[in-house]
Amino acid sequence: MLICRDLPSLRSACAALRSNGRRLGLVPTMGALHQGHLALLDAARAAGADAIAASIFVNPLQFNASDDLARYPRDEDGDLAKLRDAGCDLVWLPPVETMYPPGSASVIEVAGPSKGFEGGARPGHFRGVATVCPKLFLQTGADIVAFGEKDWQQLQVVRRMARDLDIPIHIEAVPTIREADGFAMSSRNRFLSAAERTTAPMLYQIIKDVARKIAADAPITQVLAEGEARLTATGFAPDYLALVEAETLEPLAQTTTAPMRLLAAARLGSVRLLDNMGVPA
């Protein structure tokens, strides 16, 4: 497994991996890897990648508070071991000054799907996502990139950005990887206490019940309100529980024939948890 920490070595290595018509898959991460990340490598291969590159970069533009950035979990040695075992071909570990050299003045703003929900709760977060992703795409020359559906809004922002900028890359969406009890895997889950970890799967159970009721034509406003009340009674502090049009993230007050998604964010102790699922039309 190649490890690159500067752009010249990265570009040389990626060119070699893409030689003779081979397709390169990319898995962008911020490290603290778990099985959900490793599933993205498999998904990129299944989508047609002949070689896989993973990036590990804790992107400061995605954080609106310095303490959140400092608190984000880091485990470079453990991450590299997991990627090596998973058959990753190359790991890109850029320093901040390589990604954002002194004097950098360009950022990318995506309207539409970045508005509201996580865009409202974490100002500037999607500007950071939409700025770092095309840099990673261009630095590696990847043909395929895999993103998890667990961060549904992020996936729609990246899709819109790539489409609007005519970036020739295939974006492979990968279903959320869950623990045996349904809890969505996330790097931040390690911050939950033992008691909170016992409660955490109820987020998935509650939104699953809400989605089922909406699919059965129950009144949407009422069902969402009941879902939020259940979250609160269970020990969560909900930020939102919303039914949206899956691609645009426009809130829905009634069902539609277009794909729909149920989005949820709730705090449990010091940890903010996200989850989502599709709702059948």
Protein backbone atom coordinates (compact mmCIF):
# COMPACT_ATOMS: atom_id res chain seq x y z
CA MET A 1 0.00 0.00 0.00
CA LEU A 2 1.46 3.35 -1.06
CA ILE A 3 1.31 6.29 1.37
CA CYS A 4 1.56 9.77 -0.13
CA ARG A 5 1.97 12.99 1.82
CA ASP A 6 2.82 15.47 -0.97
CA LEU A 7 1.18 16.28 -4.29
CA PRO A 8 4.00 15.26 -6.67
CA SER A 9 4.20 11.74 -5.22
CA LEU A 10 0.39 11.46 -5.17
CA ARG A 11 0.00 12.48 -8.80
CA SER A 12 2.76 10.12 -9.90
CA ALA A 13 1.27 7.21 -7.96
CA CYS A 14 -2.28 7.86 -9.16
CA ALA A 15 -1.11 8.13 -12.79
CA ALA A 16 0.54 4.72 -12.43
CA LEU A 17 -2.61 3.21 -10.91
CA ARG A 18 -4.69 4.61 -13.79
CA SER A 19 -2.31 3.50 -16.54
CA ASN A 20 -3.45 1.23 -19.38
CA GLY A 21 -7.06 2.27 -18.97
CA ARG A 22 -7.40 1.15 -15.37
CA ARG A 23 -10.05 2.97 -13.33
CA LEU A 24 -9.23 4.51 -9.97
CA GLY A 25 -11.72 4.58 -7.11
CA LEU A 26 -11.52 7.15 -4.31
CA VAL A 27 -12.85 6.95 -0.75
CA PRO A 28 -12.56 10.37 0.95
CA THR A 29 -12.47 10.16 4.75
CA MET A 30 -11.52 12.19 7.79
CA GLY A 31 -10.03 9.11 9.46
CA ALA A 32 -11.15 7.33 12.64
CA LEU A 33 -12.18 4.55 10.28
CA HIS A 34 -14.83 1.92 10.98
CA GLN A 35 -16.55 -0.80 8.98
CA GLY A 36 -18.75 1.76 7.26
CA HIS A 37 -15.70 3.39 5.67
CA LEU A 38 -14.27 0.03 4.62
CA ALA A 39 -17.56 -0.84 2.93
CA LEU A 40 -16.98 2.16 0.66
CA LEU A 41 -13.81 0.53 -0.67
CA ASP A 42 -15.80 -2.58 -1.58
CA ALA A 43 -18.51 -0.45 -3.19
CA ALA A 44 -15.99 1.43 -5.33
CA ARG A 45 -14.55 -1.88 -6.54
CA ALA A 46 -18.04 -3.19 -7.29
CA ALA A 47 -18.72 0.00 -9.29
CA GLY A 48 -15.78 -0.77 -11.56
CA ALA A 49 -12.63 0.53 -9.89
CA ASP A 50 -9.47 -1.46 -10.63
CA ALA A 51 -7.49 0.25 -7.86
CA ILE A 52 -8.57 2.11 -4.71
CA ALA A 53 -7.20 5.28 -3.13
CA ALA A 54 -8.40 6.54 0.25
CA SER A 55 -7.79 10.00 1.61
CA ILE A 56 -7.49 10.84 5.30
CA PHE A 57 -7.83 14.56 5.90
CA VAL A 58 -9.57 16.26 8.81
CA ASN A 59 -10.82 19.23 6.83
CA PRO A 60 -10.75 22.40 8.94
CA LEU A 61 -13.22 24.14 6.60
CA GLN A 62 -15.93 21.69 7.68
CA PHE A 63 -15.78 22.79 11.32
CA ASN A 64 -17.27 26.01 12.62
CA ALA A 65 -15.77 25.69 16.10
CA SER A 66 -12.11 25.12 16.86
CA ASP A 67 -12.91 22.85 19.81
CA ASP A 68 -14.93 20.54 17.52
CA LEU A 69 -11.95 20.33 15.16
CA ALA A 70 -9.56 19.55 18.03
CA ARG A 71 -11.95 16.94 19.45
CA TYR A 72 -12.42 15.04 16.20
CA PRO A 73 -10.98 11.53 16.71
CA ARG A 74 -7.65 10.72 15.04
CA ASP A 75 -5.93 7.34 14.74
CA GLU A 76 -3.51 7.37 11.82
CA ASP A 77 -1.74 4.11 12.67
CA GLY A 78 -5.00 2.26 13.23
CA ASP A 79 -6.53 3.71 10.07
CA LEU A 80 -3.55 2.67 7.94
CA ALA A 81 -3.68 -0.86 9.33
CA LYS A 82 -7.39 -1.15 8.51
CA LEU A 83 -6.88 0.16 4.97
CA ARG A 84 -3.96 -2.18 4.40
CA ASP A 85 -6.03 -5.16 5.56
CA ALA A 86 -8.89 -4.04 3.29
CA GLY A 87 -6.63 -4.09 0.22
CA CYS A 88 -6.40 -0.34 -0.33
CA ASP A 89 -3.76 0.53 -2.95
CA LEU A 90 -2.93 4.10 -1.95
CA VAL A 91 -3.55 6.44 0.98
CA TRP A 92 -3.42 10.22 0.57
CA LEU A 93 -2.46 11.95 3.84
CA PRO A 94 -2.08 15.63 2.97
CA PRO A 95 -1.09 18.27 5.52
CA VAL A 96 -3.38 21.28 5.83
CA GLU A 97 -0.87 23.57 4.12
CA THR A 98 -0.92 21.34 1.05
CA MET A 99 -4.69 21.42 0.78
CA TYR A 100 -4.95 25.11 1.60
CA PRO A 101 -1.66 26.86 0.85
CA PRO A 102 -1.09 30.30 2.39
CA GLY A 103 -3.00 32.88 0.40
CA SER A 104 -5.70 30.45 -0.79
CA ALA A 105 -8.76 32.53 -1.61
CA SER A 106 -11.20 30.17 -3.35
CA VAL A 107 -14.10 28.28 -1.82
CA ILE A 108 -17.14 26.64 -3.41
CA GLU A 109 -20.66 27.41 -2.28
CA VAL A 110 -23.50 25.06 -3.24
CA ALA A 111 -27.02 26.40 -2.84
CA GLY A 112 -30.07 24.18 -3.11
CA PRO A 113 -29.44 20.97 -1.12
CA SER A 114 -27.00 22.65 1.29
CA LYS A 115 -29.70 24.88 2.77
CA GLY A 116 -31.34 24.00 6.06
CA PHE A 117 -30.87 20.94 8.28
CA GLU A 118 -27.09 20.41 8.65
CA GLY A 119 -26.47 23.56 6.63
CA GLY A 120 -28.34 25.54 9.27
CA ALA A 121 -26.97 23.68 12.26
CA ARG A 122 -23.32 23.83 11.10
CA PRO A 123 -22.74 27.11 9.22
CA GLY A 124 -19.98 26.78 6.63
CA HIS A 125 -19.86 22.98 6.88
CA PHE A 126 -21.02 22.32 3.33
CA ARG A 127 -18.78 25.07 1.98
CA GLY A 128 -15.92 23.01 3.39
CA VAL A 129 -17.28 19.80 1.87
CA ALA A 130 -17.87 21.38 -1.54
CA THR A 131 -14.38 22.92 -1.54
CA VAL A 132 -12.33 19.92 -0.43
CA CYS A 133 -14.10 17.28 -2.55
CA PRO A 134 -13.24 18.68 -6.00
CA LYS A 135 -9.67 19.22 -4.81
CA LEU A 136 -9.45 15.53 -3.91
CA PHE A 137 -11.09 14.53 -7.20
CA LEU A 138 -8.61 16.62 -9.22
CA GLN A 139 -5.56 15.68 -7.16
CA THR A 140 -6.14 11.96 -7.63
CA GLY A 141 -7.81 11.97 -11.05
CA ALA A 142 -10.25 9.40 -9.68
CA ASP A 143 -12.87 7.91 -11.98
CA ILE A 144 -15.20 6.71 -9.21
CA VAL A 145 -15.81 8.07 -5.72
CA ALA A 146 -17.86 6.36 -3.01
CA PHE A 147 -19.91 8.20 -0.38
CA GLY A 148 -22.13 6.72 2.31
CA GLU A 149 -25.85 7.49 2.43
CA LYS A 150 -25.57 7.97 6.18
CA ASP A 151 -24.69 11.65 5.52
CA TRP A 152 -27.52 12.04 3.02
CA GLN A 153 -27.42 15.83 2.75
CA GLN A 154 -23.67 15.76 2.16
CA LEU A 155 -24.16 13.22 -0.63
CA GLN A 156 -26.68 15.49 -2.38
CA VAL A 157 -24.37 18.51 -2.01
CA VAL A 158 -21.46 16.61 -3.58
CA ARG A 159 -23.66 15.30 -6.39
CA ARG A 160 -24.93 18.80 -7.19
CA MET A 161 -21.44 20.30 -7.04
CA ALA A 162 -19.97 17.69 -9.39
CA ARG A 163 -22.88 18.05 -11.81
CA ASP A 164 -22.78 21.84 -11.83
CA LEU A 165 -19.00 21.94 -12.34
CA ASP A 166 -19.04 19.19 -15.01
CA ILE A 167 -16.57 17.05 -13.08
CA PRO A 168 -16.33 13.69 -14.91
CA ILE A 169 -16.53 11.37 -11.94
CA HIS A 170 -19.02 8.65 -11.05
CA ILE A 171 -20.44 9.10 -7.54
CA GLU A 172 -21.38 5.77 -6.00
CA ALA A 173 -23.91 6.03 -3.15
CA VAL A 174 -23.49 3.32 -0.51
CA PRO A 175 -26.29 2.34 1.93
CA THR A 176 -25.71 3.12 5.60
CA ILE A 177 -23.73 0.45 7.43
CA ARG A 178 -25.35 -0.36 10.77
CA GLU A 179 -24.50 -2.22 13.92
CA ALA A 180 -26.46 -5.40 14.70
CA ASP A 181 -28.99 -3.31 16.68
CA GLY A 182 -29.56 -0.91 13.77
CA PHE A 183 -27.42 1.95 15.07
CA ALA A 184 -25.72 3.77 12.18
CA MET A 185 -21.92 3.55 12.33
CA SER A 186 -20.08 6.86 12.83
CA SER A 187 -16.63 7.92 13.98
CA ARG A 188 -18.23 10.01 16.73
CA ASN A 189 -20.07 7.06 18.28
CA ARG A 190 -16.96 6.35 20.38
CA PHE A 191 -17.82 9.41 22.48
CA LEU A 192 -21.07 7.84 23.77
CA SER A 193 -21.13 6.52 27.31
CA ALA A 194 -22.19 2.91 27.88
CA ALA A 195 -25.67 4.05 28.94
CA GLU A 196 -26.00 6.35 25.92
CA ARG A 197 -24.90 3.58 23.59
CA THR A 198 -27.76 1.47 24.94
CA THR A 199 -30.24 4.24 24.14
CA ALA A 200 -28.75 5.23 20.76
CA PRO A 201 -30.42 2.53 18.59
CA MET A 202 -33.81 4.02 19.43
CA LEU A 203 -33.07 6.81 16.93
CA TYR A 204 -33.17 4.26 14.13
CA GLN A 205 -36.19 2.46 15.56
CA ILE A 206 -38.19 5.67 15.88
CA ILE A 207 -37.45 6.97 12.39
CA LYS A 208 -38.20 3.51 10.99
CA ASP A 209 -41.62 3.64 12.67
CA VAL A 210 -42.21 7.17 11.36
CA ALA A 211 -41.26 6.16 7.82
CA ARG A 212 -43.61 3.17 7.98
CA LYS A 213 -46.53 5.35 9.11
CA ILE A 214 -45.87 7.93 6.38
CA ALA A 215 -45.75 5.18 3.76
CA ALA A 216 -49.14 4.03 5.10
CA ASP A 217 -50.56 7.54 4.43
CA ALA A 218 -50.75 8.73 8.04
CA PRO A 219 -50.86 12.55 8.42
CA ILE A 220 -47.25 13.71 7.95
CA THR A 221 -47.24 16.69 10.32
CA GLN A 222 -48.79 14.64 13.10
CA VAL A 223 -46.48 11.66 12.59
CA LEU A 224 -43.36 13.84 12.60
CA ALA A 225 -44.49 15.60 15.78
CA GLU A 226 -45.14 12.26 17.46
CA GLY A 227 -41.70 11.04 16.36
CA GLU A 228 -39.97 14.08 17.87
CA ALA A 229 -41.92 13.60 21.09
CA ARG A 230 -40.80 9.96 21.26
CA LEU A 231 -37.18 11.00 20.73
CA THR A 232 -37.44 13.50 23.57
CA ALA A 233 -39.11 11.00 25.88
CA THR A 234 -36.37 8.46 25.11
CA GLY A 235 -33.61 10.87 26.17
CA PHE A 236 -32.64 12.57 22.90
CA ALA A 237 -32.62 16.29 22.22
CA PRO A 238 -33.92 16.36 18.62
CA ASP A 239 -32.75 19.04 16.22
CA TYR A 240 -35.04 18.00 13.40
CA LEU A 241 -37.12 15.17 12.03
CA ALA A 242 -38.25 15.96 8.50
CA LEU A 243 -39.63 14.40 5.35
CA VAL A 244 -37.93 15.80 2.25
CA GLU A 245 -37.70 15.30 -1.48
CA ALA A 246 -34.65 13.05 -1.69
CA GLU A 247 -32.55 14.99 -4.21
CA THR A 248 -33.41 18.62 -3.51
CA LEU A 249 -34.08 18.23 0.24
CA GLU A 250 -37.16 20.39 -0.09
CA PRO A 251 -39.43 19.71 2.93
CA LEU A 252 -42.64 17.85 2.14
CA ALA A 253 -45.99 18.29 3.84
CA GLN A 254 -47.52 15.48 1.80
CA THR A 255 -46.24 12.42 0.03
CA THR A 256 -45.16 12.58 -3.60
CA THR A 257 -44.31 10.19 -6.41
CA ALA A 258 -40.71 11.49 -6.38
CA PRO A 259 -38.18 9.70 -4.10
CA MET A 260 -38.57 10.81 -0.48
CA ARG A 261 -36.19 10.73 2.47
CA LEU A 262 -36.74 11.01 6.20
CA LEU A 263 -33.94 12.98 7.88
CA ALA A 264 -33.17 13.06 11.60
CA ALA A 265 -30.62 14.73 13.84
CA ALA A 266 -30.66 14.46 17.62
CA ARG A 267 -28.20 15.01 20.42
CA LEU A 268 -27.58 12.27 22.97
CA GLY A 269 -25.40 13.54 25.75
CA SER A 270 -22.50 15.35 24.10
CA VAL A 271 -22.84 13.51 20.77
CA ARG A 272 -24.93 14.70 17.85
CA LEU A 273 -26.32 11.74 15.90
CA LEU A 274 -27.57 11.73 12.30
CA ASP A 275 -29.68 9.13 10.51
CA ASN A 276 -32.00 8.90 7.53
CA MET A 277 -33.91 6.45 5.42
CA GLY A 278 -35.92 6.29 2.25
CA VAL A 279 -39.72 6.42 2.39
CA PRO A 280 -41.62 4.45 -0.25
CA ALA A 281 -43.94 6.56 -2.40
